[in-house]
Amino acid sequence: MPVALAAGLAAVSTGALGDELRKSPGLSPASHAQLLVENTTSRVIAAMSRDPEPRLASKIVETIVMPNIDLKRISRLVLGEHWLGATESQQQRFMEAFGAQLVRTYVIAVSDYLAMSDKVGLEIDYLPAKSNRDQTKALVRSRVGKSVARVSIDYRLHRVDDAWKVYDVLVDGVSVVLTYKKSYAAAAIQGGLDHLIERIAAKNRQLRPV
């Protein structure tokens, strides 16, 4: 399992979840969150299998995934104190650059995963989802791949205006948000937030074209 897949799978959305939930009104909130993850993951993999061309894959991710990620909350968690000290313009520019990075990472990760499917398999097993007491947050647990390539990918979601949105992913127990936070903190301290934003944007331009 490529390491990039772990970061890429941080991007999961509600997609066409509404119809699925209307068909299953008796499900618990945690089960709704799990259905969200299962539905979106299968839709993205199926769509990218049909249209592997990078530019089309990018549009697939932007359409199915990104509109339902809580990008502002993730950005706030990743930047920490630097978010509080940022101007509104800096916050917006960071979200745009960081969001583009998530899209690009997801496309590359899933493309690599599909290319290796004959070796690692496409099996995704879901454990029962968990929710907090007031059912405003949920943890959807999954195990991806098989044998030595098996990876645990657990999604943290919360409810926003009666919809589930992802705000973090744990890959073999390691938070993707915290990983980004540690990486970005040093750059922000050394060169300031504008420098960090430009560094992310420059990296987006340098990575394989989408």
N, C-alpha and C. Protein backbone atom coordinates (compact mmCIF):
# COMPACT_ATOMS: atom_id res chain seq x y z
N MET A 1 0.84 -1.20 0.00
CA MET A 1 0.00 0.00 0.00
C MET A 1 0.88 1.24 0.00
N PRO A 2 0.82 2.10 -1.03
CA PRO A 2 1.63 3.31 -1.05
C PRO A 2 1.29 4.21 0.11
N VAL A 3 2.32 4.86 0.67
CA VAL A 3 2.08 5.78 1.79
C VAL A 3 1.17 6.91 1.36
N ALA A 4 1.30 7.34 0.10
CA ALA A 4 0.48 8.46 -0.39
C ALA A 4 -1.00 8.16 -0.32
N LEU A 5 -1.36 6.88 -0.44
CA LEU A 5 -2.78 6.53 -0.39
C LEU A 5 -3.37 6.92 0.94
N ALA A 6 -2.59 6.78 2.00
CA ALA A 6 -3.07 7.09 3.33
C ALA A 6 -3.47 8.55 3.43
N ALA A 7 -2.59 9.43 2.96
CA ALA A 7 -2.92 10.85 3.00
C ALA A 7 -4.05 11.17 2.04
N GLY A 8 -4.03 10.53 0.89
CA GLY A 8 -5.07 10.80 -0.10
C GLY A 8 -6.44 10.45 0.38
N LEU A 9 -6.57 9.37 1.12
CA LEU A 9 -7.88 8.93 1.58
C LEU A 9 -8.43 9.80 2.70
N ALA A 10 -7.67 10.84 3.06
CA ALA A 10 -8.24 11.81 3.99
C ALA A 10 -9.40 12.54 3.35
N ALA A 11 -9.41 12.58 2.03
CA ALA A 11 -10.47 13.28 1.34
C ALA A 11 -11.62 12.34 1.05
N VAL A 12 -12.67 12.41 1.87
CA VAL A 12 -13.86 11.58 1.68
C VAL A 12 -15.07 12.49 1.82
N SER A 13 -16.10 12.27 1.02
CA SER A 13 -17.22 13.20 1.04
C SER A 13 -18.55 12.49 1.20
N THR A 14 -19.59 13.30 1.35
CA THR A 14 -20.93 12.74 1.41
C THR A 14 -21.42 12.31 0.04
N GLY A 15 -20.91 12.94 -1.02
CA GLY A 15 -21.30 12.55 -2.38
C GLY A 15 -22.81 12.50 -2.52
N ALA A 16 -23.33 11.35 -3.01
CA ALA A 16 -24.77 11.19 -3.20
C ALA A 16 -25.39 10.50 -2.00
N LEU A 17 -24.93 10.87 -0.82
CA LEU A 17 -25.36 10.18 0.39
C LEU A 17 -26.84 10.39 0.69
N GLY A 18 -27.37 11.53 0.29
CA GLY A 18 -28.76 11.83 0.64
C GLY A 18 -29.73 10.75 0.25
N ASP A 19 -29.61 10.27 -0.99
CA ASP A 19 -30.51 9.22 -1.46
C ASP A 19 -30.34 7.95 -0.65
N GLU A 20 -29.09 7.62 -0.32
CA GLU A 20 -28.84 6.41 0.44
C GLU A 20 -29.46 6.49 1.83
N LEU A 21 -29.38 7.67 2.45
CA LEU A 21 -29.94 7.82 3.79
C LEU A 21 -31.46 7.77 3.78
N ARG A 22 -32.08 8.31 2.74
CA ARG A 22 -33.54 8.27 2.65
C ARG A 22 -34.04 6.83 2.51
N LYS A 23 -33.18 5.98 1.91
CA LYS A 23 -33.55 4.57 1.78
C LYS A 23 -33.34 3.81 3.07
N SER A 24 -32.59 4.39 4.02
CA SER A 24 -32.24 3.69 5.26
C SER A 24 -32.50 4.58 6.47
N PRO A 25 -33.75 5.01 6.70
CA PRO A 25 -34.05 5.95 7.78
C PRO A 25 -33.81 5.38 9.16
N GLY A 26 -33.75 4.06 9.32
CA GLY A 26 -33.59 3.47 10.63
C GLY A 26 -32.15 3.35 11.10
N LEU A 27 -31.20 3.75 10.28
CA LEU A 27 -29.81 3.64 10.66
C LEU A 27 -29.45 4.63 11.75
N SER A 28 -28.50 4.26 12.60
CA SER A 28 -27.99 5.17 13.63
C SER A 28 -27.12 6.22 12.96
N PRO A 29 -26.88 7.36 13.64
CA PRO A 29 -26.00 8.38 13.07
C PRO A 29 -24.62 7.83 12.71
N ALA A 30 -24.06 6.96 13.56
CA ALA A 30 -22.75 6.37 13.25
C ALA A 30 -22.81 5.53 11.99
N SER A 31 -23.92 4.81 11.80
CA SER A 31 -24.08 3.99 10.60
C SER A 31 -24.23 4.86 9.36
N HIS A 32 -24.88 6.02 9.53
CA HIS A 32 -24.97 6.97 8.42
C HIS A 32 -23.57 7.42 8.00
N ALA A 33 -22.74 7.72 8.99
CA ALA A 33 -21.37 8.15 8.70
C ALA A 33 -20.61 7.06 7.97
N GLN A 34 -20.80 5.81 8.39
CA GLN A 34 -20.13 4.71 7.73
C GLN A 34 -20.63 4.53 6.31
N LEU A 35 -21.92 4.67 6.10
CA LEU A 35 -22.47 4.57 4.76
C LEU A 35 -21.89 5.66 3.86
N LEU A 36 -21.70 6.83 4.42
CA LEU A 36 -21.07 7.93 3.70
C LEU A 36 -19.70 7.51 3.17
N VAL A 37 -18.88 6.97 4.05
CA VAL A 37 -17.53 6.59 3.67
C VAL A 37 -17.55 5.47 2.63
N GLU A 38 -18.36 4.44 2.88
CA GLU A 38 -18.43 3.32 1.95
C GLU A 38 -18.90 3.77 0.57
N ASN A 39 -19.97 4.57 0.56
CA ASN A 39 -20.56 5.03 -0.69
C ASN A 39 -19.57 5.88 -1.49
N THR A 40 -18.93 6.83 -0.81
CA THR A 40 -18.03 7.73 -1.51
C THR A 40 -16.79 7.02 -2.01
N THR A 41 -16.22 6.18 -1.17
CA THR A 41 -15.02 5.45 -1.57
C THR A 41 -15.29 4.61 -2.80
N SER A 42 -16.41 3.88 -2.81
CA SER A 42 -16.72 3.03 -3.95
C SER A 42 -16.99 3.86 -5.20
N ARG A 43 -17.65 5.00 -5.05
CA ARG A 43 -17.94 5.86 -6.20
C ARG A 43 -16.67 6.41 -6.83
N VAL A 44 -15.74 6.86 -5.98
CA VAL A 44 -14.51 7.44 -6.51
C VAL A 44 -13.66 6.37 -7.20
N ILE A 45 -13.51 5.21 -6.57
CA ILE A 45 -12.72 4.14 -7.17
C ILE A 45 -13.33 3.70 -8.49
N ALA A 46 -14.65 3.56 -8.53
CA ALA A 46 -15.32 3.14 -9.76
C ALA A 46 -15.14 4.18 -10.86
N ALA A 47 -15.30 5.45 -10.50
CA ALA A 47 -15.19 6.52 -11.50
C ALA A 47 -13.77 6.65 -12.03
N MET A 48 -12.79 6.54 -11.13
CA MET A 48 -11.41 6.66 -11.58
C MET A 48 -10.96 5.42 -12.34
N SER A 49 -11.58 4.29 -12.09
CA SER A 49 -11.27 3.08 -12.86
C SER A 49 -11.75 3.24 -14.30
N ARG A 50 -12.90 3.92 -14.46
CA ARG A 50 -13.45 4.13 -15.80
C ARG A 50 -12.70 5.23 -16.54
N ASP A 51 -12.29 6.28 -15.81
CA ASP A 51 -11.65 7.45 -16.42
C ASP A 51 -10.32 7.73 -15.73
N PRO A 52 -9.29 6.96 -16.06
CA PRO A 52 -8.01 7.11 -15.37
C PRO A 52 -7.20 8.33 -15.80
N GLU A 53 -7.60 9.01 -16.88
CA GLU A 53 -6.84 10.16 -17.35
C GLU A 53 -6.77 11.20 -16.22
N PRO A 54 -5.56 11.68 -15.89
CA PRO A 54 -5.37 12.53 -14.70
C PRO A 54 -6.30 13.72 -14.60
N ARG A 55 -6.52 14.44 -15.71
CA ARG A 55 -7.37 15.62 -15.62
C ARG A 55 -8.81 15.24 -15.28
N LEU A 56 -9.29 14.15 -15.84
CA LEU A 56 -10.63 13.68 -15.50
C LEU A 56 -10.68 13.21 -14.05
N ALA A 57 -9.63 12.54 -13.60
CA ALA A 57 -9.58 12.07 -12.22
C ALA A 57 -9.64 13.24 -11.25
N SER A 58 -8.96 14.32 -11.58
CA SER A 58 -8.99 15.50 -10.72
C SER A 58 -10.40 16.06 -10.61
N LYS A 59 -11.11 16.10 -11.74
CA LYS A 59 -12.49 16.60 -11.72
C LYS A 59 -13.39 15.67 -10.91
N ILE A 60 -13.13 14.38 -10.99
CA ILE A 60 -13.90 13.41 -10.21
C ILE A 60 -13.75 13.69 -8.73
N VAL A 61 -12.52 13.89 -8.30
CA VAL A 61 -12.26 14.14 -6.89
C VAL A 61 -12.86 15.47 -6.45
N GLU A 62 -12.71 16.49 -7.28
CA GLU A 62 -13.27 17.80 -6.94
C GLU A 62 -14.79 17.75 -6.82
N THR A 63 -15.42 16.95 -7.68
CA THR A 63 -16.88 16.88 -7.70
C THR A 63 -17.44 16.00 -6.60
N ILE A 64 -16.86 14.84 -6.41
CA ILE A 64 -17.41 13.88 -5.45
C ILE A 64 -16.92 14.12 -4.04
N VAL A 65 -15.67 14.52 -3.92
CA VAL A 65 -15.02 14.55 -2.61
C VAL A 65 -15.01 15.93 -1.96
N MET A 66 -14.38 16.89 -2.60
CA MET A 66 -14.02 18.12 -1.92
C MET A 66 -15.18 18.98 -1.42
N PRO A 67 -16.33 19.04 -2.12
CA PRO A 67 -17.39 19.89 -1.62
C PRO A 67 -17.88 19.53 -0.22
N ASN A 68 -17.61 18.32 0.22
CA ASN A 68 -18.14 17.87 1.50
C ASN A 68 -17.05 17.61 2.54
N ILE A 69 -15.85 18.00 2.26
CA ILE A 69 -14.78 18.00 3.26
C ILE A 69 -14.91 19.28 4.07
N ASP A 70 -14.70 19.21 5.36
CA ASP A 70 -14.69 20.43 6.16
C ASP A 70 -13.29 21.05 6.05
N LEU A 71 -13.03 21.65 4.90
CA LEU A 71 -11.70 22.16 4.62
C LEU A 71 -11.31 23.29 5.58
N LYS A 72 -12.27 24.10 5.98
CA LYS A 72 -11.94 25.20 6.89
C LYS A 72 -11.50 24.66 8.25
N ARG A 73 -12.21 23.64 8.75
CA ARG A 73 -11.83 23.08 10.05
C ARG A 73 -10.47 22.39 9.96
N ILE A 74 -10.25 21.63 8.89
CA ILE A 74 -8.97 20.98 8.72
C ILE A 74 -7.86 22.01 8.64
N SER A 75 -8.08 23.07 7.89
CA SER A 75 -7.07 24.12 7.75
C SER A 75 -6.78 24.77 9.10
N ARG A 76 -7.83 25.01 9.86
CA ARG A 76 -7.66 25.62 11.18
C ARG A 76 -6.87 24.70 12.11
N LEU A 77 -7.17 23.40 12.06
CA LEU A 77 -6.45 22.44 12.90
C LEU A 77 -4.99 22.31 12.47
N VAL A 78 -4.76 22.32 11.17
CA VAL A 78 -3.41 22.16 10.65
C VAL A 78 -2.54 23.37 11.00
N LEU A 79 -3.08 24.57 10.87
CA LEU A 79 -2.29 25.78 11.13
C LEU A 79 -2.20 26.13 12.61
N GLY A 80 -3.18 25.72 13.39
CA GLY A 80 -3.15 26.02 14.82
C GLY A 80 -3.10 27.50 15.10
N GLU A 81 -2.11 27.93 15.88
CA GLU A 81 -2.01 29.34 16.27
C GLU A 81 -1.75 30.25 15.07
N HIS A 82 -1.18 29.71 14.02
CA HIS A 82 -0.92 30.52 12.83
C HIS A 82 -2.23 30.90 12.13
N TRP A 83 -3.25 30.06 12.26
CA TRP A 83 -4.56 30.40 11.71
C TRP A 83 -5.15 31.60 12.43
N LEU A 84 -5.02 31.63 13.75
CA LEU A 84 -5.58 32.72 14.55
C LEU A 84 -4.91 34.05 14.22
N GLY A 85 -3.63 34.00 13.87
CA GLY A 85 -2.92 35.23 13.56
C GLY A 85 -2.96 35.62 12.09
N ALA A 86 -3.64 34.83 11.29
CA ALA A 86 -3.68 35.08 9.84
C ALA A 86 -4.78 36.06 9.49
N THR A 87 -4.57 36.79 8.41
CA THR A 87 -5.63 37.65 7.89
C THR A 87 -6.65 36.79 7.17
N GLU A 88 -7.82 37.35 6.88
CA GLU A 88 -8.84 36.61 6.16
C GLU A 88 -8.34 36.19 4.78
N SER A 89 -7.56 37.07 4.14
CA SER A 89 -7.00 36.76 2.83
C SER A 89 -6.02 35.60 2.92
N GLN A 90 -5.18 35.58 3.95
CA GLN A 90 -4.22 34.49 4.13
C GLN A 90 -4.94 33.17 4.39
N GLN A 91 -5.98 33.23 5.20
CA GLN A 91 -6.74 32.01 5.48
C GLN A 91 -7.35 31.45 4.21
N GLN A 92 -7.91 32.32 3.38
CA GLN A 92 -8.53 31.87 2.13
C GLN A 92 -7.49 31.30 1.18
N ARG A 93 -6.35 31.98 1.06
CA ARG A 93 -5.31 31.50 0.16
C ARG A 93 -4.72 30.18 0.64
N PHE A 94 -4.62 30.02 1.95
CA PHE A 94 -4.13 28.74 2.47
C PHE A 94 -5.11 27.62 2.15
N MET A 95 -6.40 27.86 2.35
CA MET A 95 -7.40 26.83 2.07
C MET A 95 -7.37 26.45 0.60
N GLU A 96 -7.20 27.42 -0.29
CA GLU A 96 -7.15 27.12 -1.72
C GLU A 96 -5.93 26.26 -2.06
N ALA A 97 -4.76 26.64 -1.52
CA ALA A 97 -3.54 25.88 -1.80
C ALA A 97 -3.59 24.50 -1.16
N PHE A 98 -4.04 24.44 0.08
CA PHE A 98 -4.10 23.17 0.79
C PHE A 98 -5.16 22.25 0.17
N GLY A 99 -6.29 22.82 -0.20
CA GLY A 99 -7.34 22.03 -0.85
C GLY A 99 -6.85 21.44 -2.16
N ALA A 100 -6.11 22.24 -2.95
CA ALA A 100 -5.56 21.74 -4.20
C ALA A 100 -4.57 20.61 -3.94
N GLN A 101 -3.81 20.74 -2.86
CA GLN A 101 -2.87 19.68 -2.52
C GLN A 101 -3.60 18.39 -2.16
N LEU A 102 -4.69 18.50 -1.41
CA LEU A 102 -5.46 17.31 -1.06
C LEU A 102 -6.03 16.63 -2.31
N VAL A 103 -6.55 17.43 -3.24
CA VAL A 103 -7.08 16.86 -4.48
C VAL A 103 -5.98 16.12 -5.23
N ARG A 104 -4.84 16.77 -5.38
CA ARG A 104 -3.73 16.19 -6.12
C ARG A 104 -3.22 14.92 -5.45
N THR A 105 -3.09 14.97 -4.14
CA THR A 105 -2.61 13.80 -3.40
C THR A 105 -3.58 12.63 -3.53
N TYR A 106 -4.88 12.93 -3.46
CA TYR A 106 -5.88 11.88 -3.59
C TYR A 106 -5.82 11.23 -4.97
N VAL A 107 -5.73 12.05 -6.02
CA VAL A 107 -5.68 11.52 -7.38
C VAL A 107 -4.47 10.60 -7.55
N ILE A 108 -3.32 11.07 -7.13
CA ILE A 108 -2.10 10.28 -7.27
C ILE A 108 -2.20 8.99 -6.46
N ALA A 109 -2.71 9.11 -5.24
CA ALA A 109 -2.77 7.95 -4.35
C ALA A 109 -3.69 6.87 -4.90
N VAL A 110 -4.91 7.25 -5.29
CA VAL A 110 -5.85 6.26 -5.79
C VAL A 110 -5.38 5.68 -7.11
N SER A 111 -4.78 6.51 -7.96
CA SER A 111 -4.24 6.01 -9.23
C SER A 111 -3.17 4.95 -8.97
N ASP A 112 -2.27 5.24 -8.04
CA ASP A 112 -1.22 4.28 -7.69
C ASP A 112 -1.82 3.01 -7.09
N TYR A 113 -2.84 3.19 -6.26
CA TYR A 113 -3.48 2.04 -5.63
C TYR A 113 -4.15 1.13 -6.67
N LEU A 114 -4.84 1.74 -7.61
CA LEU A 114 -5.49 0.96 -8.66
C LEU A 114 -4.44 0.22 -9.51
N ALA A 115 -3.31 0.87 -9.73
CA ALA A 115 -2.25 0.24 -10.52
C ALA A 115 -1.65 -0.96 -9.79
N MET A 116 -1.72 -0.94 -8.47
CA MET A 116 -1.15 -2.03 -7.68
C MET A 116 -2.20 -3.01 -7.19
N SER A 117 -3.43 -2.89 -7.70
CA SER A 117 -4.52 -3.71 -7.18
C SER A 117 -4.29 -5.20 -7.34
N ASP A 118 -3.53 -5.58 -8.36
CA ASP A 118 -3.28 -7.00 -8.56
C ASP A 118 -2.38 -7.58 -7.47
N LYS A 119 -1.63 -6.69 -6.80
CA LYS A 119 -0.74 -7.15 -5.74
C LYS A 119 -1.35 -7.00 -4.35
N VAL A 120 -2.00 -5.86 -4.11
CA VAL A 120 -2.52 -5.60 -2.76
C VAL A 120 -4.02 -5.84 -2.66
N GLY A 121 -4.69 -5.97 -3.79
CA GLY A 121 -6.13 -6.18 -3.77
C GLY A 121 -6.88 -4.89 -3.53
N LEU A 122 -8.19 -4.93 -3.77
CA LEU A 122 -9.03 -3.76 -3.54
C LEU A 122 -9.96 -3.96 -2.35
N GLU A 123 -9.64 -4.93 -1.51
CA GLU A 123 -10.51 -5.21 -0.38
C GLU A 123 -10.53 -4.04 0.61
N ILE A 124 -11.73 -3.65 1.00
CA ILE A 124 -11.91 -2.65 2.06
C ILE A 124 -12.92 -3.22 3.04
N ASP A 125 -12.46 -3.52 4.24
CA ASP A 125 -13.34 -4.07 5.27
C ASP A 125 -13.63 -2.98 6.30
N TYR A 126 -14.90 -2.85 6.66
CA TYR A 126 -15.31 -1.83 7.62
C TYR A 126 -15.69 -2.46 8.95
N LEU A 127 -15.17 -1.88 10.01
CA LEU A 127 -15.57 -2.27 11.36
C LEU A 127 -16.75 -1.39 11.76
N PRO A 128 -17.54 -1.80 12.77
CA PRO A 128 -18.67 -0.97 13.19
C PRO A 128 -18.21 0.44 13.58
N ALA A 129 -18.91 1.44 13.05
CA ALA A 129 -18.57 2.82 13.36
C ALA A 129 -18.96 3.17 14.80
N LYS A 130 -18.28 4.18 15.34
CA LYS A 130 -18.57 4.63 16.69
C LYS A 130 -18.97 6.11 16.66
N SER A 131 -19.77 6.52 17.64
CA SER A 131 -20.12 7.94 17.76
C SER A 131 -19.99 8.38 19.21
N ASN A 132 -19.88 9.70 19.42
CA ASN A 132 -19.82 10.19 20.79
C ASN A 132 -21.22 10.22 21.39
N ARG A 133 -21.32 10.65 22.64
CA ARG A 133 -22.59 10.54 23.35
C ARG A 133 -23.71 11.32 22.69
N ASP A 134 -23.43 12.54 22.25
CA ASP A 134 -24.49 13.33 21.62
C ASP A 134 -24.58 13.11 20.12
N GLN A 135 -23.80 12.16 19.62
CA GLN A 135 -23.87 11.72 18.22
C GLN A 135 -23.60 12.86 17.23
N THR A 136 -22.68 13.74 17.62
CA THR A 136 -22.27 14.82 16.72
C THR A 136 -20.94 14.51 16.05
N LYS A 137 -20.25 13.47 16.54
CA LYS A 137 -18.99 13.04 15.94
C LYS A 137 -19.02 11.53 15.75
N ALA A 138 -18.28 11.07 14.76
CA ALA A 138 -18.25 9.63 14.49
C ALA A 138 -16.85 9.23 14.05
N LEU A 139 -16.54 7.96 14.30
CA LEU A 139 -15.28 7.37 13.85
C LEU A 139 -15.62 6.16 12.99
N VAL A 140 -15.27 6.24 11.72
CA VAL A 140 -15.52 5.13 10.79
C VAL A 140 -14.19 4.42 10.57
N ARG A 141 -14.18 3.14 10.89
CA ARG A 141 -12.92 2.37 10.85
C ARG A 141 -12.91 1.43 9.65
N SER A 142 -11.81 1.41 8.93
CA SER A 142 -11.69 0.53 7.77
C SER A 142 -10.30 -0.09 7.71
N ARG A 143 -10.23 -1.22 7.03
CA ARG A 143 -8.96 -1.91 6.80
C ARG A 143 -8.85 -2.13 5.30
N VAL A 144 -7.79 -1.60 4.70
CA VAL A 144 -7.64 -1.57 3.25
C VAL A 144 -6.49 -2.47 2.82
N GLY A 145 -6.72 -3.23 1.73
CA GLY A 145 -5.69 -4.12 1.21
C GLY A 145 -5.71 -5.46 1.89
N LYS A 146 -4.66 -6.22 1.68
CA LYS A 146 -4.60 -7.55 2.27
C LYS A 146 -3.17 -7.90 2.63
N SER A 147 -3.01 -8.94 3.42
CA SER A 147 -1.72 -9.48 3.86
C SER A 147 -0.79 -8.38 4.37
N VAL A 148 0.45 -8.35 3.92
CA VAL A 148 1.44 -7.41 4.45
C VAL A 148 1.15 -5.97 4.04
N ALA A 149 0.32 -5.79 3.02
CA ALA A 149 0.01 -4.44 2.54
C ALA A 149 -1.21 -3.84 3.22
N ARG A 150 -1.77 -4.53 4.19
CA ARG A 150 -3.00 -4.09 4.85
C ARG A 150 -2.75 -2.85 5.70
N VAL A 151 -3.61 -1.86 5.56
CA VAL A 151 -3.48 -0.60 6.29
C VAL A 151 -4.81 -0.26 6.95
N SER A 152 -4.75 0.22 8.18
CA SER A 152 -5.97 0.69 8.84
C SER A 152 -6.14 2.18 8.53
N ILE A 153 -7.32 2.54 8.06
CA ILE A 153 -7.64 3.93 7.75
C ILE A 153 -8.96 4.25 8.44
N ASP A 154 -8.88 5.11 9.44
CA ASP A 154 -10.04 5.46 10.25
C ASP A 154 -10.38 6.94 10.05
N TYR A 155 -11.65 7.21 9.79
CA TYR A 155 -12.10 8.56 9.44
C TYR A 155 -12.79 9.23 10.62
N ARG A 156 -12.40 10.43 10.92
CA ARG A 156 -13.08 11.24 11.92
C ARG A 156 -14.03 12.20 11.21
N LEU A 157 -15.30 12.14 11.60
CA LEU A 157 -16.32 12.99 10.99
C LEU A 157 -17.08 13.75 12.07
N HIS A 158 -17.65 14.87 11.69
CA HIS A 158 -18.57 15.58 12.58
C HIS A 158 -19.72 16.13 11.75
N ARG A 159 -20.78 16.47 12.46
CA ARG A 159 -22.00 16.92 11.79
C ARG A 159 -21.95 18.44 11.60
N VAL A 160 -22.22 18.86 10.37
CA VAL A 160 -22.27 20.28 10.03
C VAL A 160 -23.58 20.51 9.28
N ASP A 161 -24.48 21.27 9.90
CA ASP A 161 -25.79 21.53 9.28
C ASP A 161 -26.47 20.22 8.87
N ASP A 162 -26.47 19.28 9.79
CA ASP A 162 -27.16 17.99 9.61
C ASP A 162 -26.52 17.11 8.53
N ALA A 163 -25.25 17.37 8.20
CA ALA A 163 -24.53 16.52 7.24
C ALA A 163 -23.21 16.11 7.86
N TRP A 164 -22.75 14.92 7.53
CA TRP A 164 -21.46 14.44 8.02
C TRP A 164 -20.35 14.97 7.13
N LYS A 165 -19.27 15.45 7.77
CA LYS A 165 -18.09 15.89 7.02
C LYS A 165 -16.83 15.37 7.72
N VAL A 166 -15.86 15.01 6.91
CA VAL A 166 -14.59 14.50 7.43
C VAL A 166 -13.69 15.66 7.83
N TYR A 167 -13.05 15.52 9.00
CA TYR A 167 -12.10 16.55 9.41
C TYR A 167 -10.74 15.97 9.80
N ASP A 168 -10.58 14.66 9.75
CA ASP A 168 -9.28 14.05 10.00
C ASP A 168 -9.33 12.58 9.61
N VAL A 169 -8.17 12.00 9.40
CA VAL A 169 -8.04 10.58 9.11
C VAL A 169 -6.86 10.04 9.91
N LEU A 170 -7.04 8.85 10.46
CA LEU A 170 -5.96 8.18 11.17
C LEU A 170 -5.46 7.04 10.30
N VAL A 171 -4.21 7.04 10.00
CA VAL A 171 -3.60 6.00 9.19
C VAL A 171 -2.69 5.17 10.08
N ASP A 172 -3.09 3.93 10.32
CA ASP A 172 -2.39 3.09 11.29
C ASP A 172 -2.19 3.84 12.60
N GLY A 173 -3.24 4.57 12.99
CA GLY A 173 -3.24 5.28 14.27
C GLY A 173 -2.62 6.66 14.25
N VAL A 174 -2.06 7.08 13.13
CA VAL A 174 -1.39 8.38 13.04
C VAL A 174 -2.31 9.38 12.35
N SER A 175 -2.54 10.53 13.00
CA SER A 175 -3.42 11.55 12.46
C SER A 175 -2.78 12.27 11.28
N VAL A 176 -3.51 12.31 10.16
CA VAL A 176 -3.03 13.04 8.99
C VAL A 176 -2.96 14.52 9.28
N VAL A 177 -3.94 15.04 10.02
CA VAL A 177 -3.94 16.46 10.37
C VAL A 177 -2.71 16.82 11.18
N LEU A 178 -2.39 16.01 12.18
CA LEU A 178 -1.21 16.30 13.00
C LEU A 178 0.07 16.18 12.20
N THR A 179 0.10 15.26 11.25
CA THR A 179 1.28 15.11 10.40
C THR A 179 1.50 16.37 9.57
N TYR A 180 0.43 16.87 8.96
CA TYR A 180 0.53 18.12 8.22
C TYR A 180 0.90 19.27 9.15
N LYS A 181 0.32 19.30 10.33
CA LYS A 181 0.58 20.39 11.28
C LYS A 181 2.05 20.47 11.63
N LYS A 182 2.66 19.33 11.91
CA LYS A 182 4.09 19.33 12.26
C LYS A 182 4.93 19.79 11.08
N SER A 183 4.57 19.37 9.89
CA SER A 183 5.33 19.75 8.70
C SER A 183 5.22 21.24 8.41
N TYR A 184 4.01 21.77 8.55
CA TYR A 184 3.78 23.17 8.21
C TYR A 184 4.24 24.14 9.28
N ALA A 185 4.25 23.71 10.54
CA ALA A 185 4.60 24.61 11.64
C ALA A 185 6.02 25.15 11.47
N ALA A 186 6.94 24.26 11.15
CA ALA A 186 8.34 24.69 11.00
C ALA A 186 8.48 25.70 9.86
N ALA A 187 7.81 25.43 8.73
CA ALA A 187 7.90 26.33 7.58
C ALA A 187 7.28 27.69 7.90
N ALA A 188 6.16 27.69 8.63
CA ALA A 188 5.50 28.95 8.99
C ALA A 188 6.36 29.77 9.94
N ILE A 189 7.03 29.10 10.85
CA ILE A 189 7.88 29.79 11.81
C ILE A 189 9.10 30.38 11.10
N GLN A 190 9.68 29.63 10.19
CA GLN A 190 10.89 30.06 9.49
C GLN A 190 10.63 31.21 8.52
N GLY A 191 9.58 31.09 7.72
CA GLY A 191 9.39 32.07 6.67
C GLY A 191 8.09 32.84 6.71
N GLY A 192 7.22 32.53 7.68
CA GLY A 192 5.94 33.20 7.75
C GLY A 192 4.87 32.46 6.95
N LEU A 193 3.63 32.84 7.16
CA LEU A 193 2.51 32.14 6.54
C LEU A 193 2.48 32.33 5.03
N ASP A 194 2.82 33.52 4.56
CA ASP A 194 2.83 33.74 3.11
C ASP A 194 3.83 32.82 2.43
N HIS A 195 4.97 32.63 3.08
CA HIS A 195 6.00 31.73 2.54
C HIS A 195 5.47 30.30 2.48
N LEU A 196 4.78 29.88 3.53
CA LEU A 196 4.22 28.53 3.57
C LEU A 196 3.20 28.33 2.45
N ILE A 197 2.32 29.31 2.27
CA ILE A 197 1.30 29.21 1.23
C ILE A 197 1.94 29.08 -0.14
N GLU A 198 2.94 29.88 -0.40
CA GLU A 198 3.62 29.83 -1.70
C GLU A 198 4.36 28.50 -1.87
N ARG A 199 4.90 27.97 -0.79
CA ARG A 199 5.61 26.69 -0.86
C ARG A 199 4.65 25.57 -1.24
N ILE A 200 3.45 25.59 -0.65
CA ILE A 200 2.46 24.57 -0.98
C ILE A 200 2.01 24.72 -2.44
N ALA A 201 1.76 25.97 -2.85
CA ALA A 201 1.33 26.22 -4.23
C ALA A 201 2.40 25.79 -5.23
N ALA A 202 3.67 26.08 -4.89
CA ALA A 202 4.77 25.70 -5.78
C ALA A 202 4.89 24.19 -5.90
N LYS A 203 4.69 23.50 -4.78
CA LYS A 203 4.75 22.04 -4.79
C LYS A 203 3.62 21.46 -5.64
N ASN A 204 2.44 22.08 -5.55
CA ASN A 204 1.32 21.64 -6.39
C ASN A 204 1.68 21.73 -7.86
N ARG A 205 2.38 22.81 -8.22
CA ARG A 205 2.74 23.01 -9.63
C ARG A 205 3.80 22.03 -10.09
N GLN A 206 4.65 21.59 -9.17
CA GLN A 206 5.77 20.71 -9.51
C GLN A 206 5.36 19.25 -9.62
N LEU A 207 4.31 18.84 -8.90
CA LEU A 207 3.90 17.46 -8.92
C LEU A 207 3.34 17.09 -10.29
N ARG A 208 3.17 15.80 -10.53
CA ARG A 208 2.73 15.33 -11.84
C ARG A 208 1.45 16.07 -12.27
N PRO A 209 1.35 16.44 -13.51
CA PRO A 209 0.21 17.26 -13.96
C PRO A 209 -1.12 16.54 -13.81
N VAL A 210 -2.14 17.32 -13.38
CA VAL A 210 -3.50 16.84 -13.36
C VAL A 210 -4.40 17.87 -14.03
